[in-house]
C-alpha atoms as a PDB file:
ATOM      1  CA  UNK A   1      74.045-139.051-101.113  1.00  0.00           C
ATOM      2  CA  UNK A   2      73.692-135.845 -99.266  1.00  0.00           C
ATOM      3  CA  UNK A   3      70.447-135.163-100.605  1.00  0.00           C
ATOM      4  CA  UNK A   4      69.358-138.613-100.184  1.00  0.00           C
ATOM      5  CA  UNK A   5      70.290-138.465 -95.913  1.00  0.00           C
ATOM      6  CA  UNK A   6      69.051-134.917 -95.845  1.00  0.00           C
ATOM      7  CA  UNK A   7      65.295-136.339 -97.701  1.00  0.00           C
ATOM      8  CA  UNK A   8      65.612-138.954 -95.100  1.00  0.00           C
ATOM      9  CA  UNK A   9      66.130-136.359 -92.272  1.00  0.00           C
ATOM     10  CA  UNK A  10      63.021-134.503 -93.369  1.00  0.00           C
ATOM     11  CA  UNK A  11      61.383-137.735 -93.512  1.00  0.00           C
ATOM     12  CA  UNK A  12      61.965-138.538 -89.960  1.00  0.00           C
ATOM     13  CA  UNK A  13      61.014-134.613 -88.936  1.00  0.00           C
ATOM     14  CA  UNK A  14      57.448-135.652 -89.791  1.00  0.00           C
ATOM     15  CA  UNK A  15      57.712-139.439 -88.423  1.00  0.00           C
ATOM     16  CA  UNK A  16      59.379-138.229 -84.808  1.00  0.00           C
ATOM     17  CA  UNK A  17      56.304-135.384 -84.548  1.00  0.00           C
ATOM     18  CA  UNK A  18      53.687-137.904 -83.890  1.00  0.00           C
ATOM     19  CA  UNK A  19      55.291-139.714 -80.729  1.00  0.00           C
ATOM     20  CA  UNK A  20      56.553-136.209 -79.743  1.00  0.00           C
ATOM     21  CA  UNK A  21      53.102-135.077 -79.788  1.00  0.00           C
ATOM     22  CA  UNK A  22      51.607-137.693 -77.516  1.00  0.00           C
ATOM     23  CA  UNK A  23      54.256-137.647 -74.917  1.00  0.00           C
ATOM     24  CA  UNK A  24      53.408-133.487 -75.382  1.00  0.00           C
ATOM     25  CA  UNK A  25      49.867-134.260 -74.826  1.00  0.00           C
ATOM     26  CA  UNK A  26      50.163-136.460 -72.058  1.00  0.00           C
ATOM     27  CA  UNK A  27      52.836-134.051 -69.852  1.00  0.00           C
ATOM     28  CA  UNK A  28      50.535-131.197 -70.525  1.00  0.00           C
ATOM     29  CA  UNK A  29      48.843-129.719 -67.469  1.00  0.00           C
ATOM     30  CA  UNK A  30      46.921-126.441 -69.070  1.00  0.00           C
ATOM     31  CA  UNK A  31      45.412-124.244 -67.087  1.00  0.00           C
ATOM     32  CA  UNK A  32      42.368-121.531 -68.481  1.00  0.00           C
ATOM     33  CA  UNK A  33      45.189-118.887 -68.435  1.00  0.00           C
ATOM     34  CA  UNK A  34      47.716-121.365 -69.977  1.00  0.00           C
ATOM     35  CA  UNK A  35      45.246-122.104 -72.881  1.00  0.00           C
ATOM     36  CA  UNK A  36      44.382-118.096 -73.668  1.00  0.00           C
ATOM     37  CA  UNK A  37      47.832-116.948 -73.764  1.00  0.00           C
ATOM     38  CA  UNK A  38      49.000-119.981 -75.483  1.00  0.00           C
ATOM     39  CA  UNK A  39      46.372-119.560 -78.117  1.00  0.00           C
ATOM     40  CA  UNK A  40      47.451-115.920 -78.563  1.00  0.00           C
ATOM     41  CA  UNK A  41      50.818-116.564 -79.185  1.00  0.00           C
ATOM     42  CA  UNK A  42      50.099-119.453 -81.163  1.00  0.00           C
ATOM     43  CA  UNK A  43      47.888-117.208 -83.327  1.00  0.00           C
ATOM     44  CA  UNK A  44      50.679-114.689 -84.030  1.00  0.00           C
ATOM     45  CA  UNK A  45      52.651-117.654 -85.438  1.00  0.00           C
ATOM     46  CA  UNK A  46      49.595-118.541 -87.550  1.00  0.00           C
ATOM     47  CA  UNK A  47      49.782-115.178 -88.892  1.00  0.00           C
ATOM     48  CA  UNK A  48      53.053-115.245 -89.712  1.00  0.00           C
ATOM     49  CA  UNK A  49      52.455-118.678 -91.746  1.00  0.00           C
ATOM     50  CA  UNK A  50      49.347-117.330 -93.376  1.00  0.00           C
ATOM     51  CA  UNK A  51      51.416-114.068 -94.906  1.00  0.00           C
ATOM     52  CA  UNK A  52      54.254-116.437 -95.819  1.00  0.00           C
ATOM     53  CA  UNK A  53      51.807-118.811 -97.812  1.00  0.00           C
ATOM     54  CA  UNK A  54      49.862-116.020 -99.189  1.00  0.00           C
ATOM     55  CA  UNK A  55      53.250-114.999-101.035  1.00  0.00           C
ATOM     56  CA  UNK A  56      54.918-118.882-101.631  1.00  0.00           C
ATOM     57  CA  UNK A  57      54.808-120.185-105.027  1.00  0.00           C
ATOM     58  CA  UNK A  58      56.276-122.987-104.873  1.00  0.00           C
ATOM     59  CA  UNK A  59      58.509-124.472-107.695  1.00  0.00           C
ATOM     60  CA  UNK A  60      57.646-121.300-109.698  1.00  0.00           C
ATOM     61  CA  UNK A  61      59.082-118.100-108.386  1.00  0.00           C
ATOM     62  CA  UNK A  62      61.658-117.093-105.566  1.00  0.00           C
ATOM     63  CA  UNK A  63      59.598-115.521-102.718  1.00  0.00           C
ATOM     64  CA  UNK A  64      61.044-112.478-101.605  1.00  0.00           C
ATOM     65  CA  UNK A  65      58.206-110.109-100.485  1.00  0.00           C
ATOM     66  CA  UNK A  66      55.900-110.141 -97.661  1.00  0.00           C
ATOM     67  CA  UNK A  67      57.547-111.813 -94.663  1.00  0.00           C
ATOM     68  CA  UNK A  68      60.364-113.148 -96.912  1.00  0.00           C
ATOM     69  CA  UNK A  69      61.462-109.758 -97.351  1.00  0.00           C
ATOM     70  CA  UNK A  70      62.275-109.846 -93.215  1.00  0.00           C
ATOM     71  CA  UNK A  71      63.143-113.756 -92.794  1.00  0.00           C
ATOM     72  CA  UNK A  72      64.083-116.458 -95.583  1.00  0.00           C
ATOM     73  CA  UNK A  73      62.334-118.970 -93.653  1.00  0.00           C
ATOM     74  CA  UNK A  74      58.974-117.237 -92.597  1.00  0.00           C
ATOM     75  CA  UNK A  75      56.689-120.557 -92.409  1.00  0.00           C
ATOM     76  CA  UNK A  76      59.254-122.385 -89.919  1.00  0.00           C
ATOM     77  CA  UNK A  77      59.478-118.727 -87.918  1.00  0.00           C
ATOM     78  CA  UNK A  78      55.817-119.002 -87.483  1.00  0.00           C
ATOM     79  CA  UNK A  79      56.137-122.280 -86.910  1.00  0.00           C
ATOM     80  CA  UNK A  80      58.138-121.857 -83.903  1.00  0.00           C
ATOM     81  CA  UNK A  81      55.911-119.188 -82.497  1.00  0.00           C
ATOM     82  CA  UNK A  82      53.043-121.593 -83.179  1.00  0.00           C
ATOM     83  CA  UNK A  83      54.712-124.242 -81.451  1.00  0.00           C
ATOM     84  CA  UNK A  84      55.548-121.680 -78.447  1.00  0.00           C
ATOM     85  CA  UNK A  85      52.088-121.013 -78.019  1.00  0.00           C
ATOM     86  CA  UNK A  86      51.255-124.921 -77.480  1.00  0.00           C
ATOM     87  CA  UNK A  87      54.023-125.217 -74.943  1.00  0.00           C
ATOM     88  CA  UNK A  88      52.482-121.927 -72.964  1.00  0.00           C
ATOM     89  CA  UNK A  89      49.008-123.635 -73.172  1.00  0.00           C
ATOM     90  CA  UNK A  90      50.271-127.078 -72.100  1.00  0.00           C
ATOM     91  CA  UNK A  91      51.787-125.303 -69.062  1.00  0.00           C
ATOM     92  CA  UNK A  92      54.885-127.510 -68.949  1.00  0.00           C
ATOM     93  CA  UNK A  93      58.810-127.040 -69.181  1.00  0.00           C
ATOM     94  CA  UNK A  94      59.218-130.460 -70.168  1.00  0.00           C
ATOM     95  CA  UNK A  95      57.274-130.470 -72.938  1.00  0.00           C
ATOM     96  CA  UNK A  96      58.798-127.203 -73.656  1.00  0.00           C
ATOM     97  CA  UNK A  97      62.357-128.650 -73.840  1.00  0.00           C
ATOM     98  CA  UNK A  98      61.057-131.872 -76.176  1.00  0.00           C
ATOM     99  CA  UNK A  99      59.682-129.069 -78.274  1.00  0.00           C
ATOM    100  CA  UNK A 100      63.094-126.777 -78.648  1.00  0.00           C
ATOM    101  CA  UNK A 101      64.943-130.109 -78.848  1.00  0.00           C
ATOM    102  CA  UNK A 102      62.526-131.279 -82.008  1.00  0.00           C
ATOM    103  CA  UNK A 103      63.540-127.731 -83.751  1.00  0.00           C
ATOM    104  CA  UNK A 104      67.125-127.562 -83.422  1.00  0.00           C
ATOM    105  CA  UNK A 105      67.701-131.168 -84.159  1.00  0.00           C
ATOM    106  CA  UNK A 106      65.395-131.307 -87.250  1.00  0.00           C
ATOM    107  CA  UNK A 107      64.775-127.703 -88.731  1.00  0.00           C
ATOM    108  CA  UNK A 108      68.290-126.179 -89.228  1.00  0.00           C
ATOM    109  CA  UNK A 109      68.873-129.584 -91.551  1.00  0.00           C
ATOM    110  CA  UNK A 110      65.463-128.801 -93.529  1.00  0.00           C
ATOM    111  CA  UNK A 111      66.638-125.183 -93.763  1.00  0.00           C
ATOM    112  CA  UNK A 112      70.246-125.775 -95.229  1.00  0.00           C
ATOM    113  CA  UNK A 113      68.721-128.456 -97.507  1.00  0.00           C
ATOM    114  CA  UNK A 114      65.932-125.989 -98.724  1.00  0.00           C
ATOM    115  CA  UNK A 115      68.522-123.558 -99.587  1.00  0.00           C
ATOM    116  CA  UNK A 116      70.620-125.682-101.355  1.00  0.00           C
ATOM    117  CA  UNK A 117      67.885-126.529-103.533  1.00  0.00           C
ATOM    118  CA  UNK A 118      66.797-122.492-104.059  1.00  0.00           C
ATOM    119  CA  UNK A 119      70.681-121.963-104.691  1.00  0.00           C
ATOM    120  CA  UNK A 120      70.515-124.715-107.607  1.00  0.00           C
ATOM    121  CA  UNK A 121      67.133-123.242-108.879  1.00  0.00           C
ATOM    122  CA  UNK A 122      67.903-119.476-108.617  1.00  0.00           C
ATOM    123  CA  UNK A 123      71.376-118.985-108.497  1.00  0.00           C
ATOM    124  CA  UNK A 124      72.556-115.482-108.304  1.00  0.00           C
ATOM    125  CA  UNK A 125      69.047-114.200-107.471  1.00  0.00           C
ATOM    126  CA  UNK A 126      68.811-116.338-104.207  1.00  0.00           C
ATOM    127  CA  UNK A 127      72.446-115.401-103.494  1.00  0.00           C
ATOM    128  CA  UNK A 128      72.024-111.600-103.684  1.00  0.00           C
ATOM    129  CA  UNK A 129      68.319-112.400-101.708  1.00  0.00           C
ATOM    130  CA  UNK A 130      70.399-114.347 -99.219  1.00  0.00           C
ATOM    131  CA  UNK A 131      73.014-111.721 -98.399  1.00  0.00           C
ATOM    132  CA  UNK A 132      70.253-109.208 -97.762  1.00  0.00           C
ATOM    133  CA  UNK A 133      67.734-111.048 -95.377  1.00  0.00           C
ATOM    134  CA  UNK A 134      68.566-113.176 -92.487  1.00  0.00           C
ATOM    135  CA  UNK A 135      68.088-117.275 -92.583  1.00  0.00           C
ATOM    136  CA  UNK A 136      65.270-117.451 -89.286  1.00  0.00           C
ATOM    137  CA  UNK A 137      65.699-114.492 -87.083  1.00  0.00           C
ATOM    138  CA  UNK A 138      63.854-111.740 -88.796  1.00  0.00           C
ATOM    139  CA  UNK A 139      65.334-108.528 -89.105  1.00  0.00           C
ATOM    140  CA  UNK A 140      63.414-105.437 -88.227  1.00  0.00           C
ATOM    141  CA  UNK A 141      63.085-103.409 -91.445  1.00  0.00           C
ATOM    142  CA  UNK A 142      62.330-105.216 -94.853  1.00  0.00           C
ATOM    143  CA  UNK A 143      64.916-105.835 -97.557  1.00  0.00           C
ATOM    144  CA  UNK A 144      63.478-103.980-101.001  1.00  0.00           C
ATOM    145  CA  UNK A 145      61.876-106.472-102.669  1.00  0.00           C
ATOM    146  CA  UNK A 146      59.165-106.697-105.670  1.00  0.00           C
ATOM    147  CA  UNK A 147      55.882-105.214-104.240  1.00  0.00           C
ATOM    148  CA  UNK A 148      54.234-108.817-104.157  1.00  0.00           C
ATOM    149  CA  UNK A 149      50.785-108.796-102.795  1.00  0.00           C
ATOM    150  CA  UNK A 150      49.355-111.077-100.512  1.00  0.00           C
ATOM    151  CA  UNK A 151      47.316-113.839-102.449  1.00  0.00           C
ATOM    152  CA  UNK A 152      44.633-116.252-100.566  1.00  0.00           C
ATOM    153  CA  UNK A 153      44.664-118.268-103.574  1.00  0.00           C
ATOM    154  CA  UNK A 154      47.862-118.949-102.416  1.00  0.00           C
ATOM    155  CA  UNK A 155      47.144-119.311 -99.155  1.00  0.00           C
ATOM    156  CA  UNK A 156      44.333-122.151 -99.916  1.00  0.00           C
ATOM    157  CA  UNK A 157      47.082-123.788-102.825  1.00  0.00           C
ATOM    158  CA  UNK A 158      49.923-124.022-100.326  1.00  0.00           C
ATOM    159  CA  UNK A 159      47.267-125.760 -98.118  1.00  0.00           C
ATOM    160  CA  UNK A 160      47.897-123.019 -95.216  1.00  0.00           C
ATOM    161  CA  UNK A 161      44.492-123.778 -93.726  1.00  0.00           C
ATOM    162  CA  UNK A 162      45.898-127.124 -92.380  1.00  0.00           C
ATOM    163  CA  UNK A 163      48.179-125.169 -89.949  1.00  0.00           C
ATOM    164  CA  UNK A 164      45.217-123.185 -88.273  1.00  0.00           C
ATOM    165  CA  UNK A 165      42.946-126.205 -88.019  1.00  0.00           C
ATOM    166  CA  UNK A 166      45.716-128.561 -86.563  1.00  0.00           C
ATOM    167  CA  UNK A 167      46.431-125.446 -84.188  1.00  0.00           C
ATOM    168  CA  UNK A 168      42.637-125.631 -83.062  1.00  0.00           C
ATOM    169  CA  UNK A 169      42.422-129.246 -82.712  1.00  0.00           C
ATOM    170  CA  UNK A 170      45.776-128.902 -80.361  1.00  0.00           C
ATOM    171  CA  UNK A 171      44.055-126.216 -78.211  1.00  0.00           C
ATOM    172  CA  UNK A 172      41.113-128.198 -78.066  1.00  0.00           C
ATOM    173  CA  UNK A 173      42.557-131.412 -77.080  1.00  0.00           C
ATOM    174  CA  UNK A 174      44.294-129.413 -74.645  1.00  0.00           C
ATOM    175  CA  UNK A 175      41.232-128.082 -73.033  1.00  0.00           C
ATOM    176  CA  UNK A 176      39.467-131.410 -73.076  1.00  0.00           C
ATOM    177  CA  UNK A 177      42.447-132.869 -70.640  1.00  0.00           C
ATOM    178  CA  UNK A 178      42.306-129.564 -68.604  1.00  0.00           C
ATOM    179  CA  UNK A 179      38.261-130.386 -67.954  1.00  0.00           C
ATOM    180  CA  UNK A 180      38.313-133.974 -67.872  1.00  0.00           C
ATOM    181  CA  UNK A 181      41.748-134.838 -66.507  1.00  0.00           C
ATOM    182  CA  UNK A 182      41.429-136.565 -63.230  1.00  0.00           C
ATOM    183  CA  UNK A 183      43.293-134.183 -60.564  1.00  0.00           C
ATOM    184  CA  UNK A 184      46.584-135.153 -59.505  1.00  0.00           C
END
């Protein structure tokens, strides 16, 4: 029952994201400065996500190297930075509150569900890893881990380029809104 409810919650995370994106764009009031500064912040999130995807062998091995040596959820941490970049680009605090609320509402539950799966799949290895690496906020020094190297093949296999394309599309739509929206 718990598994079914957490899986439903994960599906709602995606479904809720679409109308949130529309409201976000409607509220957006971008400027050249906000687009550039938001683009820089979002790019940092993309780099974090890319580094994580290049170390992630989903359903094959427990990822503990690269950014996983600093946080157990570098993809979600990178997503939060990416979202902060889009909020900054949109230049509206109301949209920022909505996006922040979305993350607070959905991501803790998703992380708990994934942690439960990792405990089942990797047992003691996961427990030892989790004891030394924080759930979300990265530690400043890496936990000792095997010398896993970044892999472009994993990056592509994990379809991480989609995050970059989505972010660029978001910036283009915000730029179009800035360029062609009627002055208020």
